[in-house]
Amino acid sequence: MLNTLDETQPTPSSPRSNGDDEFRNLKKVLKEQFPGANGNGYGIAIEATENELNRLIDVRDSVQGQIDSMQTQIDNIFAALASAEFIMSAPLNTVFWVVDNAGATPAGWVNVSADYNYTPAAEYPNSGLYKKVSL
């Protein structure tokens, strides 16, 4: 690691034969400290400025915290959308994605999945697109 490099070495009186060892050690430390995606060092130049890099301090925790704090809001929105109140109060011609309706079409709605070329994903085999056609 970088902290293993001794900036006092080599000294002016060090044998020249130690120079190749110093260069190898420097390369080794740089590759260990900055391994890159494949472990052989970065394949492209890092062009961020010192200020840009310094702004990244604690960003991951900050962003993750924001995402975590929004998860409850997201869960509440999905719960509201899936509720009977939403289905019953939706305006005519509203298209709604039903995640798991077990094959049942809600009253006053028609399946329009084919109109939108919708194919359910494997994890939501009973999902579909439904459009409200009557109150």
N, C-alpha and C. Protein backbone atom coordinates (compact mmCIF):
# COMPACT_ATOMS: atom_id res chain seq x y z
N MET A 1 0.84 -1.18 0.00
CA MET A 1 0.00 0.00 0.00
C MET A 1 0.89 1.25 0.00
N LEU A 2 0.26 2.38 -0.28
CA LEU A 2 1.04 3.61 -0.37
C LEU A 2 1.81 3.91 0.90
N ASN A 3 1.23 3.54 2.06
CA ASN A 3 1.92 3.85 3.30
C ASN A 3 3.16 2.99 3.53
N THR A 4 3.36 2.00 2.67
CA THR A 4 4.58 1.17 2.80
C THR A 4 5.75 1.76 2.03
N LEU A 5 5.49 2.75 1.20
CA LEU A 5 6.60 3.37 0.44
C LEU A 5 7.43 4.25 1.37
N ASP A 6 8.71 4.11 1.27
CA ASP A 6 9.64 4.90 2.08
C ASP A 6 10.21 5.99 1.20
N GLU A 7 9.75 7.23 1.43
CA GLU A 7 10.17 8.33 0.57
C GLU A 7 11.64 8.69 0.74
N THR A 8 12.29 8.13 1.74
CA THR A 8 13.73 8.41 1.92
C THR A 8 14.59 7.43 1.13
N GLN A 9 13.96 6.45 0.50
CA GLN A 9 14.69 5.44 -0.28
C GLN A 9 14.42 5.63 -1.76
N PRO A 10 15.32 5.36 -2.61
CA PRO A 10 16.71 5.06 -2.32
C PRO A 10 17.47 6.34 -1.95
N THR A 11 18.51 6.16 -1.21
CA THR A 11 19.36 7.30 -0.84
C THR A 11 20.42 7.47 -1.92
N PRO A 12 21.08 8.65 -1.93
CA PRO A 12 22.14 8.85 -2.93
C PRO A 12 23.24 7.80 -2.83
N SER A 13 23.41 7.23 -1.62
CA SER A 13 24.48 6.24 -1.48
C SER A 13 23.99 4.80 -1.69
N SER A 14 22.68 4.62 -1.99
CA SER A 14 22.17 3.27 -2.24
C SER A 14 22.79 2.71 -3.51
N PRO A 15 23.05 1.41 -3.50
CA PRO A 15 23.61 0.80 -4.71
C PRO A 15 22.64 0.94 -5.88
N ARG A 16 23.17 1.20 -7.06
CA ARG A 16 22.33 1.33 -8.25
C ARG A 16 21.53 0.06 -8.52
N SER A 17 22.04 -1.04 -8.09
CA SER A 17 21.37 -2.31 -8.33
C SER A 17 20.04 -2.40 -7.57
N ASN A 18 19.82 -1.53 -6.58
CA ASN A 18 18.55 -1.51 -5.85
C ASN A 18 17.46 -0.75 -6.61
N GLY A 19 17.84 0.00 -7.63
CA GLY A 19 16.89 0.84 -8.37
C GLY A 19 15.76 0.04 -8.98
N ASP A 20 16.08 -1.11 -9.59
CA ASP A 20 15.03 -1.90 -10.22
C ASP A 20 14.04 -2.43 -9.17
N ASP A 21 14.54 -2.77 -7.98
CA ASP A 21 13.65 -3.21 -6.90
C ASP A 21 12.70 -2.09 -6.49
N GLU A 22 13.23 -0.86 -6.41
CA GLU A 22 12.41 0.28 -6.03
C GLU A 22 11.30 0.52 -7.06
N PHE A 23 11.64 0.44 -8.35
CA PHE A 23 10.64 0.64 -9.39
C PHE A 23 9.58 -0.46 -9.36
N ARG A 24 9.99 -1.71 -9.19
CA ARG A 24 9.02 -2.81 -9.11
C ARG A 24 8.09 -2.62 -7.92
N ASN A 25 8.66 -2.23 -6.76
CA ASN A 25 7.84 -2.02 -5.58
C ASN A 25 6.84 -0.88 -5.80
N LEU A 26 7.28 0.18 -6.44
CA LEU A 26 6.40 1.31 -6.73
C LEU A 26 5.24 0.86 -7.63
N LYS A 27 5.53 0.11 -8.69
CA LYS A 27 4.49 -0.40 -9.57
C LYS A 27 3.52 -1.32 -8.82
N LYS A 28 4.08 -2.17 -7.98
CA LYS A 28 3.26 -3.11 -7.20
C LYS A 28 2.30 -2.34 -6.30
N VAL A 29 2.80 -1.35 -5.60
CA VAL A 29 1.97 -0.57 -4.69
C VAL A 29 0.87 0.17 -5.46
N LEU A 30 1.21 0.76 -6.58
CA LEU A 30 0.21 1.49 -7.35
C LEU A 30 -0.90 0.56 -7.84
N LYS A 31 -0.52 -0.63 -8.31
CA LYS A 31 -1.54 -1.57 -8.79
C LYS A 31 -2.39 -2.10 -7.64
N GLU A 32 -1.79 -2.29 -6.47
CA GLU A 32 -2.57 -2.75 -5.32
C GLU A 32 -3.51 -1.65 -4.81
N GLN A 33 -3.03 -0.43 -4.81
CA GLN A 33 -3.84 0.68 -4.29
C GLN A 33 -4.92 1.10 -5.28
N PHE A 34 -4.66 0.97 -6.56
CA PHE A 34 -5.59 1.35 -7.63
C PHE A 34 -5.77 0.17 -8.57
N PRO A 35 -6.48 -0.87 -8.13
CA PRO A 35 -6.53 -2.11 -8.90
C PRO A 35 -7.33 -2.05 -10.20
N GLY A 36 -8.30 -1.17 -10.30
CA GLY A 36 -9.12 -1.16 -11.50
C GLY A 36 -10.05 -2.36 -11.54
N ALA A 37 -10.85 -2.44 -12.58
CA ALA A 37 -11.88 -3.47 -12.68
C ALA A 37 -11.31 -4.87 -12.82
N ASN A 38 -10.20 -5.02 -13.51
CA ASN A 38 -9.66 -6.36 -13.74
C ASN A 38 -8.46 -6.70 -12.87
N GLY A 39 -8.13 -5.83 -11.94
CA GLY A 39 -7.02 -6.09 -11.02
C GLY A 39 -5.64 -5.79 -11.56
N ASN A 40 -5.57 -5.24 -12.76
CA ASN A 40 -4.27 -4.92 -13.36
C ASN A 40 -4.02 -3.43 -13.45
N GLY A 41 -4.72 -2.67 -12.65
CA GLY A 41 -4.59 -1.21 -12.72
C GLY A 41 -5.68 -0.65 -13.61
N TYR A 42 -5.87 0.64 -13.53
CA TYR A 42 -6.91 1.29 -14.33
C TYR A 42 -6.54 1.25 -15.80
N GLY A 43 -7.54 0.96 -16.64
CA GLY A 43 -7.32 0.90 -18.07
C GLY A 43 -7.55 2.22 -18.77
N ILE A 44 -8.14 3.18 -18.05
CA ILE A 44 -8.37 4.50 -18.62
C ILE A 44 -7.90 5.55 -17.61
N ALA A 45 -7.60 6.71 -18.11
CA ALA A 45 -7.13 7.79 -17.24
C ALA A 45 -8.26 8.29 -16.35
N ILE A 46 -7.94 8.63 -15.12
CA ILE A 46 -8.90 9.24 -14.21
C ILE A 46 -8.74 10.74 -14.37
N GLU A 47 -9.81 11.39 -14.79
CA GLU A 47 -9.74 12.80 -15.13
C GLU A 47 -10.43 13.70 -14.13
N ALA A 48 -10.91 13.15 -13.02
CA ALA A 48 -11.58 13.96 -12.00
C ALA A 48 -10.56 14.87 -11.32
N THR A 49 -10.99 16.06 -10.97
CA THR A 49 -10.12 16.97 -10.25
C THR A 49 -10.12 16.60 -8.76
N GLU A 50 -9.21 17.18 -8.01
CA GLU A 50 -9.15 16.93 -6.57
C GLU A 50 -10.47 17.31 -5.91
N ASN A 51 -11.04 18.46 -6.31
CA ASN A 51 -12.31 18.90 -5.73
C ASN A 51 -13.44 17.93 -6.04
N GLU A 52 -13.48 17.41 -7.28
CA GLU A 52 -14.52 16.45 -7.65
C GLU A 52 -14.39 15.17 -6.82
N LEU A 53 -13.18 14.70 -6.64
CA LEU A 53 -12.97 13.50 -5.83
C LEU A 53 -13.32 13.75 -4.37
N ASN A 54 -12.96 14.90 -3.86
CA ASN A 54 -13.25 15.22 -2.46
C ASN A 54 -14.75 15.33 -2.20
N ARG A 55 -15.53 15.74 -3.20
CA ARG A 55 -16.98 15.82 -3.03
C ARG A 55 -17.61 14.44 -2.88
N LEU A 56 -16.91 13.42 -3.30
CA LEU A 56 -17.45 12.06 -3.22
C LEU A 56 -17.38 11.46 -1.83
N ILE A 57 -16.68 12.13 -0.92
CA ILE A 57 -16.57 11.62 0.45
C ILE A 57 -17.98 11.51 1.04
N ASP A 58 -18.31 10.36 1.53
CA ASP A 58 -19.59 10.07 2.17
C ASP A 58 -20.80 10.17 1.23
N VAL A 59 -20.59 10.30 -0.08
CA VAL A 59 -21.71 10.40 -1.00
C VAL A 59 -22.51 9.10 -1.01
N ARG A 60 -21.84 7.97 -1.00
CA ARG A 60 -22.55 6.70 -1.06
C ARG A 60 -23.52 6.59 0.10
N ASP A 61 -23.08 6.90 1.30
CA ASP A 61 -23.97 6.82 2.45
C ASP A 61 -25.12 7.81 2.33
N SER A 62 -24.83 8.99 1.84
CA SER A 62 -25.85 10.02 1.69
C SER A 62 -26.91 9.59 0.67
N VAL A 63 -26.47 9.08 -0.47
CA VAL A 63 -27.40 8.65 -1.51
C VAL A 63 -28.21 7.46 -1.02
N GLN A 64 -27.56 6.49 -0.40
CA GLN A 64 -28.28 5.32 0.10
C GLN A 64 -29.30 5.73 1.16
N GLY A 65 -28.94 6.67 2.00
CA GLY A 65 -29.88 7.17 3.01
C GLY A 65 -31.11 7.80 2.37
N GLN A 66 -30.89 8.55 1.30
CA GLN A 66 -32.02 9.17 0.59
C GLN A 66 -32.92 8.11 -0.02
N ILE A 67 -32.31 7.10 -0.62
CA ILE A 67 -33.09 6.02 -1.21
C ILE A 67 -33.87 5.29 -0.13
N ASP A 68 -33.21 4.96 0.96
CA ASP A 68 -33.89 4.26 2.05
C ASP A 68 -35.07 5.07 2.59
N SER A 69 -34.88 6.39 2.73
CA SER A 69 -35.95 7.21 3.29
C SER A 69 -37.13 7.32 2.33
N MET A 70 -36.89 7.16 1.04
CA MET A 70 -37.98 7.22 0.07
C MET A 70 -38.70 5.89 -0.07
N GLN A 71 -38.10 4.79 0.38
CA GLN A 71 -38.71 3.48 0.19
C GLN A 71 -40.10 3.40 0.81
N THR A 72 -40.27 3.96 1.99
CA THR A 72 -41.59 3.93 2.64
C THR A 72 -42.60 4.69 1.79
N GLN A 73 -42.21 5.84 1.27
CA GLN A 73 -43.11 6.61 0.41
C GLN A 73 -43.47 5.82 -0.83
N ILE A 74 -42.48 5.17 -1.43
CA ILE A 74 -42.73 4.36 -2.63
C ILE A 74 -43.68 3.22 -2.31
N ASP A 75 -43.44 2.54 -1.19
CA ASP A 75 -44.32 1.44 -0.78
C ASP A 75 -45.74 1.93 -0.59
N ASN A 76 -45.91 3.11 0.03
CA ASN A 76 -47.24 3.67 0.25
C ASN A 76 -47.94 4.02 -1.05
N ILE A 77 -47.18 4.54 -2.02
CA ILE A 77 -47.76 4.87 -3.32
C ILE A 77 -48.26 3.61 -4.01
N PHE A 78 -47.42 2.56 -4.02
CA PHE A 78 -47.84 1.32 -4.65
C PHE A 78 -49.05 0.71 -3.95
N ALA A 79 -49.08 0.80 -2.63
CA ALA A 79 -50.24 0.27 -1.89
C ALA A 79 -51.50 1.04 -2.26
N ALA A 80 -51.37 2.37 -2.39
CA ALA A 80 -52.54 3.18 -2.75
C ALA A 80 -53.01 2.87 -4.16
N LEU A 81 -52.07 2.70 -5.08
CA LEU A 81 -52.44 2.39 -6.46
C LEU A 81 -53.13 1.04 -6.57
N ALA A 82 -52.74 0.12 -5.74
CA ALA A 82 -53.33 -1.22 -5.79
C ALA A 82 -54.62 -1.32 -5.00
N SER A 83 -54.98 -0.27 -4.32
CA SER A 83 -56.16 -0.33 -3.45
C SER A 83 -57.45 -0.27 -4.27
N ALA A 84 -58.50 -0.81 -3.68
CA ALA A 84 -59.81 -0.77 -4.32
C ALA A 84 -60.27 0.66 -4.52
N GLU A 85 -59.93 1.57 -3.59
CA GLU A 85 -60.35 2.97 -3.71
C GLU A 85 -59.81 3.60 -4.99
N PHE A 86 -58.56 3.29 -5.31
CA PHE A 86 -57.99 3.85 -6.54
C PHE A 86 -58.69 3.27 -7.75
N ILE A 87 -58.87 1.98 -7.74
CA ILE A 87 -59.49 1.32 -8.89
C ILE A 87 -60.90 1.86 -9.10
N MET A 88 -61.64 2.06 -8.04
CA MET A 88 -63.01 2.52 -8.15
C MET A 88 -63.09 4.01 -8.52
N SER A 89 -62.14 4.82 -8.07
CA SER A 89 -62.21 6.27 -8.29
C SER A 89 -61.42 6.75 -9.49
N ALA A 90 -60.73 5.85 -10.18
CA ALA A 90 -59.92 6.27 -11.33
C ALA A 90 -60.81 6.82 -12.43
N PRO A 91 -60.34 7.87 -13.14
CA PRO A 91 -61.13 8.42 -14.24
C PRO A 91 -61.25 7.41 -15.39
N LEU A 92 -62.26 7.59 -16.21
CA LEU A 92 -62.41 6.74 -17.40
C LEU A 92 -61.16 6.85 -18.27
N ASN A 93 -60.84 5.78 -18.96
CA ASN A 93 -59.70 5.66 -19.87
C ASN A 93 -58.35 5.63 -19.17
N THR A 94 -58.35 5.55 -17.84
CA THR A 94 -57.09 5.37 -17.12
C THR A 94 -56.55 3.98 -17.42
N VAL A 95 -55.26 3.90 -17.75
CA VAL A 95 -54.63 2.60 -17.94
C VAL A 95 -53.79 2.32 -16.70
N PHE A 96 -54.01 1.15 -16.15
CA PHE A 96 -53.41 0.80 -14.87
C PHE A 96 -52.72 -0.54 -15.00
N TRP A 97 -51.52 -0.66 -14.46
CA TRP A 97 -50.80 -1.93 -14.46
C TRP A 97 -51.17 -2.71 -13.22
N VAL A 98 -51.74 -3.85 -13.39
CA VAL A 98 -52.11 -4.72 -12.28
C VAL A 98 -51.04 -5.79 -12.18
N VAL A 99 -50.36 -5.84 -11.05
CA VAL A 99 -49.24 -6.75 -10.89
C VAL A 99 -49.69 -8.20 -10.78
N ASP A 100 -50.64 -8.48 -9.91
CA ASP A 100 -51.05 -9.87 -9.74
C ASP A 100 -52.54 -9.92 -9.50
N ASN A 101 -53.27 -10.12 -10.55
CA ASN A 101 -54.73 -10.16 -10.43
C ASN A 101 -55.26 -11.58 -10.49
N ALA A 102 -54.37 -12.56 -10.53
CA ALA A 102 -54.75 -13.98 -10.60
C ALA A 102 -55.74 -14.22 -11.73
N GLY A 103 -55.61 -13.47 -12.80
CA GLY A 103 -56.45 -13.69 -13.97
C GLY A 103 -57.80 -13.01 -13.94
N ALA A 104 -58.12 -12.28 -12.88
CA ALA A 104 -59.43 -11.64 -12.76
C ALA A 104 -59.35 -10.19 -13.23
N THR A 105 -60.28 -9.80 -14.09
CA THR A 105 -60.34 -8.42 -14.56
C THR A 105 -61.25 -7.62 -13.61
N PRO A 106 -60.76 -6.49 -13.07
CA PRO A 106 -61.60 -5.70 -12.17
C PRO A 106 -62.86 -5.22 -12.89
N ALA A 107 -63.96 -5.12 -12.16
CA ALA A 107 -65.23 -4.67 -12.73
C ALA A 107 -65.06 -3.27 -13.31
N GLY A 108 -65.57 -3.06 -14.53
CA GLY A 108 -65.49 -1.76 -15.19
C GLY A 108 -64.19 -1.53 -15.93
N TRP A 109 -63.33 -2.53 -15.97
CA TRP A 109 -62.04 -2.43 -16.62
C TRP A 109 -61.93 -3.49 -17.71
N VAL A 110 -61.12 -3.23 -18.74
CA VAL A 110 -60.83 -4.25 -19.76
C VAL A 110 -59.33 -4.41 -19.89
N ASN A 111 -58.92 -5.60 -20.21
CA ASN A 111 -57.50 -5.89 -20.40
C ASN A 111 -57.06 -5.31 -21.75
N VAL A 112 -56.09 -4.41 -21.72
CA VAL A 112 -55.58 -3.78 -22.94
C VAL A 112 -54.11 -4.11 -23.15
N SER A 113 -53.64 -5.18 -22.54
CA SER A 113 -52.22 -5.54 -22.65
C SER A 113 -51.78 -5.68 -24.10
N ALA A 114 -52.61 -6.32 -24.92
CA ALA A 114 -52.24 -6.52 -26.33
C ALA A 114 -52.16 -5.19 -27.08
N ASP A 115 -53.01 -4.22 -26.71
CA ASP A 115 -53.00 -2.92 -27.38
C ASP A 115 -51.65 -2.20 -27.18
N TYR A 116 -50.99 -2.51 -26.08
CA TYR A 116 -49.72 -1.86 -25.76
C TYR A 116 -48.54 -2.81 -25.92
N ASN A 117 -48.77 -3.96 -26.56
CA ASN A 117 -47.72 -4.97 -26.74
C ASN A 117 -47.06 -5.35 -25.44
N TYR A 118 -47.88 -5.44 -24.39
CA TYR A 118 -47.35 -5.76 -23.06
C TYR A 118 -47.29 -7.27 -22.89
N THR A 119 -46.12 -7.75 -22.50
CA THR A 119 -45.93 -9.16 -22.16
C THR A 119 -45.46 -9.21 -20.73
N PRO A 120 -46.16 -9.96 -19.88
CA PRO A 120 -45.75 -10.02 -18.47
C PRO A 120 -44.34 -10.58 -18.31
N ALA A 121 -43.61 -10.00 -17.39
CA ALA A 121 -42.29 -10.51 -17.06
C ALA A 121 -42.46 -11.81 -16.28
N ALA A 122 -41.44 -12.64 -16.28
CA ALA A 122 -41.51 -13.94 -15.60
C ALA A 122 -41.87 -13.80 -14.13
N GLU A 123 -41.37 -12.75 -13.48
CA GLU A 123 -41.65 -12.60 -12.05
C GLU A 123 -43.06 -12.09 -11.76
N TYR A 124 -43.79 -11.61 -12.81
CA TYR A 124 -45.18 -11.15 -12.65
C TYR A 124 -46.05 -11.80 -13.71
N PRO A 125 -46.20 -13.11 -13.68
CA PRO A 125 -46.89 -13.81 -14.78
C PRO A 125 -48.36 -13.44 -14.91
N ASN A 126 -49.01 -13.00 -13.85
CA ASN A 126 -50.43 -12.66 -13.91
C ASN A 126 -50.67 -11.17 -14.09
N SER A 127 -49.62 -10.41 -14.38
CA SER A 127 -49.80 -8.97 -14.50
C SER A 127 -50.40 -8.62 -15.85
N GLY A 128 -50.94 -7.42 -15.94
CA GLY A 128 -51.51 -6.97 -17.19
C GLY A 128 -51.83 -5.49 -17.13
N LEU A 129 -52.15 -4.94 -18.29
CA LEU A 129 -52.56 -3.54 -18.40
C LEU A 129 -54.08 -3.52 -18.55
N TYR A 130 -54.72 -2.72 -17.73
CA TYR A 130 -56.18 -2.64 -17.74
C TYR A 130 -56.59 -1.19 -17.91
N LYS A 131 -57.68 -0.97 -18.64
CA LYS A 131 -58.18 0.36 -18.89
C LYS A 131 -59.60 0.45 -18.35
N LYS A 132 -59.85 1.54 -17.62
CA LYS A 132 -61.18 1.75 -17.06
C LYS A 132 -62.13 2.22 -18.15
N VAL A 133 -63.24 1.48 -18.33
CA VAL A 133 -64.17 1.82 -19.40
C VAL A 133 -65.56 2.19 -18.89
N SER A 134 -65.82 1.89 -17.62
CA SER A 134 -67.12 2.29 -17.07
C SER A 134 -66.98 2.60 -15.60
N LEU A 135 -67.89 3.39 -15.08
CA LEU A 135 -67.84 3.79 -13.67
C LEU A 135 -68.44 2.75 -12.77
